[in-house]
Amino acid sequence: MPKMKTKRAAAKRFTLTGTGKIKRNKANLRHILTKKDQARKNKLGKSALVSSADFRRTIKLLQG
């Protein structure tokens, strides 16, 4: 049986931290930025952690 391949789309979007959590980027910072205030754009620019509800599904995509 061949090796399982990592989902490349997931590998480009998520990174594993040293403590085993999964880091992700936030959405809604690509376009239509004029109506969003500066504080909101600053918060969207920072990374976040994957929620516990999506953790197992995301780990499966990364492990392959």
PDB file of N, CA and C in Angstrom:
ATOM      1  N   MET A   1       0.844  -1.184   0.000  1.00  0.00           N
ATOM      2  CA  MET A   1       0.000   0.000   0.000  1.00  0.00           C
ATOM      3  C   MET A   1       0.892   1.251   0.000  1.00  0.00           C
ATOM      4  N   PRO A   2       0.605   2.229  -0.880  1.00  0.00           N
ATOM      5  CA  PRO A   2       1.463   3.413  -0.946  1.00  0.00           C
ATOM      6  C   PRO A   2       1.290   4.332   0.258  1.00  0.00           C
ATOM      7  N   LYS A   3       2.243   5.213   0.411  1.00  0.00           N
ATOM      8  CA  LYS A   3       2.175   6.178   1.508  1.00  0.00           C
ATOM      9  C   LYS A   3       1.013   7.131   1.301  1.00  0.00           C
ATOM     10  N   MET A   4       0.444   7.617   2.420  1.00  0.00           N
ATOM     11  CA  MET A   4      -0.612   8.617   2.348  1.00  0.00           C
ATOM     12  C   MET A   4       0.035   9.972   2.088  1.00  0.00           C
ATOM     13  N   LYS A   5      -0.553  10.750   1.202  1.00  0.00           N
ATOM     14  CA  LYS A   5      -0.005  12.059   0.876  1.00  0.00           C
ATOM     15  C   LYS A   5      -0.684  13.139   1.719  1.00  0.00           C
ATOM     16  N   THR A   6       0.082  14.135   2.123  1.00  0.00           N
ATOM     17  CA  THR A   6      -0.458  15.307   2.809  1.00  0.00           C
ATOM     18  C   THR A   6      -1.277  16.104   1.813  1.00  0.00           C
ATOM     19  N   LYS A   7      -2.412  16.640   2.250  1.00  0.00           N
ATOM     20  CA  LYS A   7      -3.205  17.521   1.399  1.00  0.00           C
ATOM     21  C   LYS A   7      -2.455  18.835   1.261  1.00  0.00           C
ATOM     22  N   ARG A   8      -1.983  19.158   0.069  1.00  0.00           N
ATOM     23  CA  ARG A   8      -1.115  20.309  -0.133  1.00  0.00           C
ATOM     24  C   ARG A   8      -1.839  21.620   0.136  1.00  0.00           C
ATOM     25  N   ALA A   9      -3.126  21.675  -0.144  1.00  0.00           N
ATOM     26  CA  ALA A   9      -3.890  22.900   0.124  1.00  0.00           C
ATOM     27  C   ALA A   9      -3.912  23.199   1.623  1.00  0.00           C
ATOM     28  N   ALA A  10      -4.046  22.146   2.426  1.00  0.00           N
ATOM     29  CA  ALA A  10      -4.056  22.326   3.881  1.00  0.00           C
ATOM     30  C   ALA A  10      -2.666  22.688   4.385  1.00  0.00           C
ATOM     31  N   ALA A  11      -1.639  22.097   3.809  1.00  0.00           N
ATOM     32  CA  ALA A  11      -0.273  22.372   4.246  1.00  0.00           C
ATOM     33  C   ALA A  11       0.108  23.824   4.009  1.00  0.00           C
ATOM     34  N   LYS A  12      -0.472  24.446   2.981  1.00  0.00           N
ATOM     35  CA  LYS A  12      -0.182  25.841   2.686  1.00  0.00           C
ATOM     36  C   LYS A  12      -0.939  26.786   3.615  1.00  0.00           C
ATOM     37  N   ARG A  13      -2.018  26.327   4.215  1.00  0.00           N
ATOM     38  CA  ARG A  13      -2.865  27.189   5.031  1.00  0.00           C
ATOM     39  C   ARG A  13      -2.639  27.052   6.533  1.00  0.00           C
ATOM     40  N   PHE A  14      -2.177  25.905   6.976  1.00  0.00           N
ATOM     41  CA  PHE A  14      -2.034  25.639   8.409  1.00  0.00           C
ATOM     42  C   PHE A  14      -0.595  25.302   8.756  1.00  0.00           C
ATOM     43  N   THR A  15      -0.185  25.669   9.981  1.00  0.00           N
ATOM     44  CA  THR A  15       1.125  25.272  10.484  1.00  0.00           C
ATOM     45  C   THR A  15       0.964  24.731  11.893  1.00  0.00           C
ATOM     46  N   LEU A  16       1.749  23.741  12.220  1.00  0.00           N
ATOM     47  CA  LEU A  16       1.736  23.169  13.564  1.00  0.00           C
ATOM     48  C   LEU A  16       2.646  23.984  14.463  1.00  0.00           C
ATOM     49  N   THR A  17       2.191  24.285  15.676  1.00  0.00           N
ATOM     50  CA  THR A  17       3.022  24.987  16.641  1.00  0.00           C
ATOM     51  C   THR A  17       3.852  23.974  17.422  1.00  0.00           C
ATOM     52  N   GLY A  18       4.758  24.466  18.234  1.00  0.00           N
ATOM     53  CA  GLY A  18       5.601  23.579  19.020  1.00  0.00           C
ATOM     54  C   GLY A  18       4.838  22.803  20.067  1.00  0.00           C
ATOM     55  N   THR A  19       3.711  23.350  20.522  1.00  0.00           N
ATOM     56  CA  THR A  19       2.911  22.677  21.551  1.00  0.00           C
ATOM     57  C   THR A  19       1.850  21.764  20.955  1.00  0.00           C
ATOM     58  N   GLY A  20       1.809  21.644  19.620  1.00  0.00           N
ATOM     59  CA  GLY A  20       0.874  20.718  18.982  1.00  0.00           C
ATOM     60  C   GLY A  20      -0.439  21.333  18.564  1.00  0.00           C
ATOM     61  N   LYS A  21      -0.574  22.653  18.685  1.00  0.00           N
ATOM     62  CA  LYS A  21      -1.784  23.315  18.209  1.00  0.00           C
ATOM     63  C   LYS A  21      -1.609  23.648  16.737  1.00  0.00           C
ATOM     64  N   ILE A  22      -2.704  24.039  16.093  1.00  0.00           N
ATOM     65  CA  ILE A  22      -2.652  24.368  14.672  1.00  0.00           C
ATOM     66  C   ILE A  22      -2.956  25.849  14.502  1.00  0.00           C
ATOM     67  N   LYS A  23      -2.048  26.541  13.807  1.00  0.00           N
ATOM     68  CA  LYS A  23      -2.191  27.966  13.576  1.00  0.00           C
ATOM     69  C   LYS A  23      -2.786  28.198  12.199  1.00  0.00           C
ATOM     70  N   ARG A  24      -3.628  29.217  12.082  1.00  0.00           N
ATOM     71  CA  ARG A  24      -4.273  29.540  10.808  1.00  0.00           C
ATOM     72  C   ARG A  24      -4.324  31.055  10.643  1.00  0.00           C
ATOM     73  N   ASN A  25      -4.569  31.497   9.418  1.00  0.00           N
ATOM     74  CA  ASN A  25      -4.770  32.912   9.147  1.00  0.00           C
ATOM     75  C   ASN A  25      -6.259  33.213   9.145  1.00  0.00           C
ATOM     76  N   LYS A  26      -6.608  34.465   9.433  1.00  0.00           N
ATOM     77  CA  LYS A  26      -8.007  34.871   9.443  1.00  0.00           C
ATOM     78  C   LYS A  26      -8.445  35.302   8.052  1.00  0.00           C
ATOM     79  N   ALA A  27      -9.734  35.186   7.792  1.00  0.00           N
ATOM     80  CA  ALA A  27     -10.300  35.551   6.492  1.00  0.00           C
ATOM     81  C   ALA A  27     -10.714  37.020   6.482  1.00  0.00           C
ATOM     82  N   ASN A  28     -11.158  37.494   5.330  1.00  0.00           N
ATOM     83  CA  ASN A  28     -11.740  38.828   5.127  1.00  0.00           C
ATOM     84  C   ASN A  28     -10.731  39.964   5.133  1.00  0.00           C
ATOM     85  N   LEU A  29      -9.523  39.722   4.654  1.00  0.00           N
ATOM     86  CA  LEU A  29      -8.541  40.811   4.565  1.00  0.00           C
ATOM     87  C   LEU A  29      -8.014  40.952   3.129  1.00  0.00           C
ATOM     88  N   ARG A  30      -8.736  40.450   2.149  1.00  0.00           N
ATOM     89  CA  ARG A  30      -8.254  40.465   0.770  1.00  0.00           C
ATOM     90  C   ARG A  30      -8.765  41.665  -0.027  1.00  0.00           C
ATOM     91  N   HIS A  31     -10.038  41.997   0.116  1.00  0.00           N
ATOM     92  CA  HIS A  31     -10.598  43.103  -0.660  1.00  0.00           C
ATOM     93  C   HIS A  31     -11.761  43.716   0.109  1.00  0.00           C
ATOM     94  N   ILE A  32     -12.335  44.792  -0.439  1.00  0.00           N
ATOM     95  CA  ILE A  32     -13.384  45.591   0.220  1.00  0.00           C
ATOM     96  C   ILE A  32     -12.885  46.036   1.602  1.00  0.00           C
ATOM     97  N   LEU A  33     -11.717  46.659   1.605  1.00  0.00           N
ATOM     98  CA  LEU A  33     -11.106  47.061   2.871  1.00  0.00           C
ATOM     99  C   LEU A  33     -11.499  48.467   3.305  1.00  0.00           C
ATOM    100  N   THR A  34     -12.127  49.234   2.421  1.00  0.00           N
ATOM    101  CA  THR A  34     -12.425  50.628   2.746  1.00  0.00           C
ATOM    102  C   THR A  34     -13.509  50.748   3.807  1.00  0.00           C
ATOM    103  N   LYS A  35     -14.426  49.813   3.847  1.00  0.00           N
ATOM    104  CA  LYS A  35     -15.506  49.910   4.836  1.00  0.00           C
ATOM    105  C   LYS A  35     -15.134  49.289   6.192  1.00  0.00           C
ATOM    106  N   LYS A  36     -13.984  48.627   6.267  1.00  0.00           N
ATOM    107  CA  LYS A  36     -13.539  48.020   7.527  1.00  0.00           C
ATOM    108  C   LYS A  36     -12.637  49.007   8.261  1.00  0.00           C
ATOM    109  N   ASP A  37     -12.888  49.197   9.557  1.00  0.00           N
ATOM    110  CA  ASP A  37     -12.065  50.156  10.292  1.00  0.00           C
ATOM    111  C   ASP A  37     -10.692  49.562  10.598  1.00  0.00           C
ATOM    112  N   GLN A  38      -9.770  50.447  10.974  1.00  0.00           N
ATOM    113  CA  GLN A  38      -8.370  50.055  11.117  1.00  0.00           C
ATOM    114  C   GLN A  38      -8.178  49.011  12.211  1.00  0.00           C
ATOM    115  N   ALA A  39      -8.912  49.117  13.299  1.00  0.00           N
ATOM    116  CA  ALA A  39      -8.778  48.144  14.392  1.00  0.00           C
ATOM    117  C   ALA A  39      -9.175  46.746  13.926  1.00  0.00           C
ATOM    118  N   ARG A  40     -10.245  46.682  13.139  1.00  0.00           N
ATOM    119  CA  ARG A  40     -10.696  45.388  12.615  1.00  0.00           C
ATOM    120  C   ARG A  40      -9.656  44.790  11.675  1.00  0.00           C
ATOM    121  N   LYS A  41      -9.062  45.629  10.814  1.00  0.00           N
ATOM    122  CA  LYS A  41      -8.051  45.133   9.875  1.00  0.00           C
ATOM    123  C   LYS A  41      -6.796  44.675  10.609  1.00  0.00           C
ATOM    124  N   ASN A  42      -6.439  45.365  11.671  1.00  0.00           N
ATOM    125  CA  ASN A  42      -5.280  44.951  12.462  1.00  0.00           C
ATOM    126  C   ASN A  42      -5.518  43.591  13.101  1.00  0.00           C
ATOM    127  N   LYS A  43      -6.719  43.372  13.620  1.00  0.00           N
ATOM    128  CA  LYS A  43      -7.043  42.084  14.250  1.00  0.00           C
ATOM    129  C   LYS A  43      -7.082  40.958  13.220  1.00  0.00           C
ATOM    130  N   LEU A  44      -7.570  41.250  12.012  1.00  0.00           N
ATOM    131  CA  LEU A  44      -7.635  40.232  10.969  1.00  0.00           C
ATOM    132  C   LEU A  44      -6.243  39.854  10.466  1.00  0.00           C
ATOM    133  N   GLY A  45      -5.285  40.742  10.632  1.00  0.00           N
ATOM    134  CA  GLY A  45      -3.939  40.468  10.176  1.00  0.00           C
ATOM    135  C   GLY A  45      -3.186  39.496  11.056  1.00  0.00           C
ATOM    136  N   LYS A  46      -3.625  39.338  12.286  1.00  0.00           N
ATOM    137  CA  LYS A  46      -2.955  38.421  13.212  1.00  0.00           C
ATOM    138  C   LYS A  46      -3.459  36.997  13.002  1.00  0.00           C
ATOM    139  N   SER A  47      -2.637  36.036  13.350  1.00  0.00           N
ATOM    140  CA  SER A  47      -3.032  34.639  13.180  1.00  0.00           C
ATOM    141  C   SER A  47      -3.883  34.175  14.360  1.00  0.00           C
ATOM    142  N   ALA A  48      -4.562  33.051  14.166  1.00  0.00           N
ATOM    143  CA  ALA A  48      -5.421  32.479  15.198  1.00  0.00           C
ATOM    144  C   ALA A  48      -5.165  30.975  15.261  1.00  0.00           C
ATOM    145  N   LEU A  49      -5.762  30.330  16.250  1.00  0.00           N
ATOM    146  CA  LEU A  49      -5.645  28.881  16.384  1.00  0.00           C
ATOM    147  C   LEU A  49      -6.913  28.211  15.870  1.00  0.00           C
ATOM    148  N   VAL A  50      -6.763  27.029  15.315  1.00  0.00           N
ATOM    149  CA  VAL A  50      -7.911  26.247  14.854  1.00  0.00           C
ATOM    150  C   VAL A  50      -8.721  25.818  16.071  1.00  0.00           C
ATOM    151  N   SER A  51     -10.034  25.923  15.983  1.00  0.00           N
ATOM    152  CA  SER A  51     -10.895  25.582  17.110  1.00  0.00           C
ATOM    153  C   SER A  51     -10.864  24.085  17.396  1.00  0.00           C
ATOM    154  N   SER A  52     -11.261  23.727  18.591  1.00  0.00           N
ATOM    155  CA  SER A  52     -11.244  22.318  18.992  1.00  0.00           C
ATOM    156  C   SER A  52     -12.218  21.489  18.159  1.00  0.00           C
ATOM    157  N   ALA A  53     -13.296  22.106  17.654  1.00  0.00           N
ATOM    158  CA  ALA A  53     -14.268  21.389  16.836  1.00  0.00           C
ATOM    159  C   ALA A  53     -13.671  20.970  15.493  1.00  0.00           C
ATOM    160  N   ASP A  54     -12.749  21.763  14.953  1.00  0.00           N
ATOM    161  CA  ASP A  54     -12.157  21.467  13.652  1.00  0.00           C
ATOM    162  C   ASP A  54     -10.782  20.832  13.755  1.00  0.00           C
ATOM    163  N   PHE A  55     -10.271  20.646  14.956  1.00  0.00           N
ATOM    164  CA  PHE A  55      -8.895  20.210  15.151  1.00  0.00           C
ATOM    165  C   PHE A  55      -8.634  18.837  14.546  1.00  0.00           C
ATOM    166  N   ARG A  56      -9.470  17.862  14.838  1.00  0.00           N
ATOM    167  CA  ARG A  56      -9.233  16.495  14.363  1.00  0.00           C
ATOM    168  C   ARG A  56      -9.283  16.409  12.836  1.00  0.00           C
ATOM    169  N   ARG A  57     -10.223  17.128  12.236  1.00  0.00           N
ATOM    170  CA  ARG A  57     -10.353  17.120  10.781  1.00  0.00           C
ATOM    171  C   ARG A  57      -9.122  17.749  10.124  1.00  0.00           C
ATOM    172  N   THR A  58      -8.629  18.833  10.717  1.00  0.00           N
ATOM    173  CA  THR A  58      -7.465  19.522  10.162  1.00  0.00           C
ATOM    174  C   THR A  58      -6.201  18.688  10.317  1.00  0.00           C
ATOM    175  N   ILE A  59      -6.062  18.029  11.453  1.00  0.00           N
ATOM    176  CA  ILE A  59      -4.889  17.171  11.692  1.00  0.00           C
ATOM    177  C   ILE A  59      -4.847  16.035  10.688  1.00  0.00           C
ATOM    178  N   LYS A  60      -5.994  15.486  10.319  1.00  0.00           N
ATOM    179  CA  LYS A  60      -6.052  14.407   9.315  1.00  0.00           C
ATOM    180  C   LYS A  60      -5.564  14.900   7.960  1.00  0.00           C
ATOM    181  N   LEU A  61      -5.921  16.138   7.614  1.00  0.00           N
ATOM    182  CA  LEU A  61      -5.490  16.689   6.344  1.00  0.00           C
ATOM    183  C   LEU A  61      -3.987  16.885   6.316  1.00  0.00           C
ATOM    184  N   LEU A  62      -3.407  17.284   7.446  1.00  0.00           N
ATOM    185  CA  LEU A  62      -1.982  17.560   7.501  1.00  0.00           C
ATOM    186  C   LEU A  62      -1.151  16.289   7.585  1.00  0.00           C
ATOM    187  N   GLN A  63      -1.656  15.271   8.239  1.00  0.00           N
ATOM    188  CA  GLN A  63      -0.876  14.061   8.416  1.00  0.00           C
ATOM    189  C   GLN A  63      -0.889  13.165   7.183  1.00  0.00           C
ATOM    190  N   GLY A  64      -1.954  13.264   6.400  1.00  0.00           N
ATOM    191  CA  GLY A  64      -1.999  12.510   5.160  1.00  0.00           C
ATOM    192  C   GLY A  64      -2.314  11.077   5.298  1.00  0.00           C
TER     193      GLY A  64
END
